[in-house]
Amino acid sequence: MAYVSAQLNLLSSGVGGSPSLWTMYGTDVHTDVDATDWISDGAAKGLTIGDFVMYYKTSATKGATLHSVEAVTAGGAASLSPAILA
């Protein structure tokens, strides 16, 4: 599948420099979500480096993963990386 802009939504805005929290869902596996520049309109949506994205896979093996925004390009695309929970 592919990224669908309408499936990425702001859940909570960061306050005082803290990161924002976003939700996203789709049928893609979490390794697809981590692809470079996968979110084509990241800057336009308001993603910034350090924001968190909770992703929920809606088909087959359902599950949720947490990602952080690693980069936002000059062209507006955003890249995610898996968040490390320790």
Protein backbone atom coordinates (compact mmCIF):
# COMPACT_ATOMS: atom_id res chain seq x y z
CA MET A 1 0.00 0.00 0.00
CA ALA A 2 1.03 3.62 0.31
CA TYR A 3 0.88 6.54 2.69
CA VAL A 4 -2.58 8.14 2.90
CA SER A 5 -2.53 11.71 4.23
CA ALA A 6 -6.03 11.49 5.73
CA GLN A 7 -4.87 8.63 7.98
CA LEU A 8 -2.30 10.82 9.82
CA ASN A 9 -3.86 13.01 12.50
CA LEU A 10 -2.60 15.22 15.31
CA LEU A 11 -3.67 13.83 18.68
CA SER A 12 -1.94 16.31 21.00
CA SER A 13 0.16 19.40 20.29
CA GLY A 14 3.45 19.73 22.10
CA VAL A 15 3.63 22.49 24.72
CA GLY A 16 6.72 24.49 25.61
CA GLY A 17 9.00 22.76 23.13
CA SER A 18 7.82 19.22 23.92
CA PRO A 19 7.02 16.88 21.00
CA SER A 20 3.56 16.51 19.50
CA LEU A 21 1.76 13.17 19.41
CA TRP A 22 0.20 11.90 16.18
CA THR A 23 -1.89 8.87 15.26
CA MET A 24 -1.75 7.05 11.93
CA TYR A 25 -3.39 3.87 10.67
CA GLY A 26 -3.28 1.74 7.58
CA THR A 27 -2.58 -1.70 6.17
CA ASP A 28 1.18 -1.25 5.81
CA VAL A 29 3.64 -3.10 8.03
CA HIS A 30 5.68 -0.98 10.42
CA THR A 31 8.86 -1.37 8.35
CA ASP A 32 7.09 0.37 5.44
CA VAL A 33 6.18 3.25 7.75
CA ASP A 34 9.90 3.66 8.54
CA ALA A 35 10.84 4.12 4.86
CA THR A 36 12.74 7.30 4.01
CA ASP A 37 10.39 10.19 3.09
CA TRP A 38 7.34 7.91 3.43
CA ILE A 39 5.13 10.73 4.71
CA SER A 40 5.12 12.88 1.59
CA ASP A 41 3.37 15.90 3.15
CA GLY A 42 4.94 15.81 6.61
CA ALA A 43 5.89 19.50 6.74
CA ALA A 44 2.48 20.59 5.44
CA LYS A 45 0.76 18.48 8.12
CA GLY A 46 2.97 20.07 10.80
CA LEU A 47 5.31 17.20 11.71
CA THR A 48 8.58 18.28 13.30
CA ILE A 49 11.70 16.35 14.25
CA GLY A 50 11.17 14.62 17.58
CA ASP A 51 7.38 14.27 17.30
CA PHE A 52 5.90 10.83 18.04
CA VAL A 53 3.61 8.86 15.74
CA MET A 54 1.53 5.93 17.00
CA TYR A 55 0.80 3.64 14.05
CA TYR A 56 -1.99 1.05 14.05
CA LYS A 57 -1.98 -1.70 11.40
CA THR A 58 -5.60 -2.45 10.53
CA SER A 59 -5.33 -5.69 8.53
CA ALA A 60 -3.93 -9.23 8.78
CA THR A 61 -1.70 -9.25 11.87
CA LYS A 62 -3.06 -6.18 13.64
CA GLY A 63 -0.81 -4.27 15.97
CA ALA A 64 0.47 -0.90 17.06
CA THR A 65 3.97 0.58 16.92
CA LEU A 66 5.50 3.82 18.13
CA HIS A 67 7.76 5.90 15.88
CA SER A 68 9.59 9.21 16.12
CA VAL A 69 10.06 11.79 13.38
CA GLU A 70 13.69 11.54 12.33
CA ALA A 71 13.79 14.04 9.47
CA VAL A 72 11.66 16.54 7.56
CA THR A 73 13.11 17.46 4.17
CA ALA A 74 13.13 20.85 2.45
CA GLY A 75 10.62 19.33 0.02
CA GLY A 76 8.27 18.59 2.90
CA ALA A 77 8.55 14.80 3.23
CA ALA A 78 9.06 13.24 6.66
CA SER A 79 10.92 10.09 7.71
CA LEU A 80 10.13 8.07 10.82
CA SER A 81 12.24 5.73 12.88
CA PRO A 82 11.10 3.11 15.35
CA ALA A 83 11.01 4.51 18.88
CA ILE A 84 13.12 2.64 21.42
CA LEU A 85 11.22 1.96 24.62
CA ALA A 86 13.45 1.07 27.54
